[in-house]
Amino acid sequence: MSERYAPEEVARFLHSEYERLAPAFDYETRRESAVPWEQLLDSNRKLMLAATTSVMLKFFPDRIKIEREEKPTSTVTVKP
């Protein structure tokens, strides 16, 4: 059986890699997001987690580590 990953674990890694690699592509990230995961604004952290969960559900549904009873969904309510 393949190893499973919690969406937050993947989101944390993706965030740190994005920030680490940005300078190599002559890209400067926003000051608010160029911080460790724990210091991200709550809205940024929630967005990264929702996007990561959505990607995992689409491409790797059998690799998601579910840490609660219900299955995560990629449904997000967006305010107009």
Foldseek 3Di string as FASTA:
>chain_A
DDAADALLVVLQVVLVVCLVCQVVVVHDDDPQSNDHLVSHDPVVSVVSSLVSLAVCVVPPVVRHDDPDDDDDDSDDDDDD
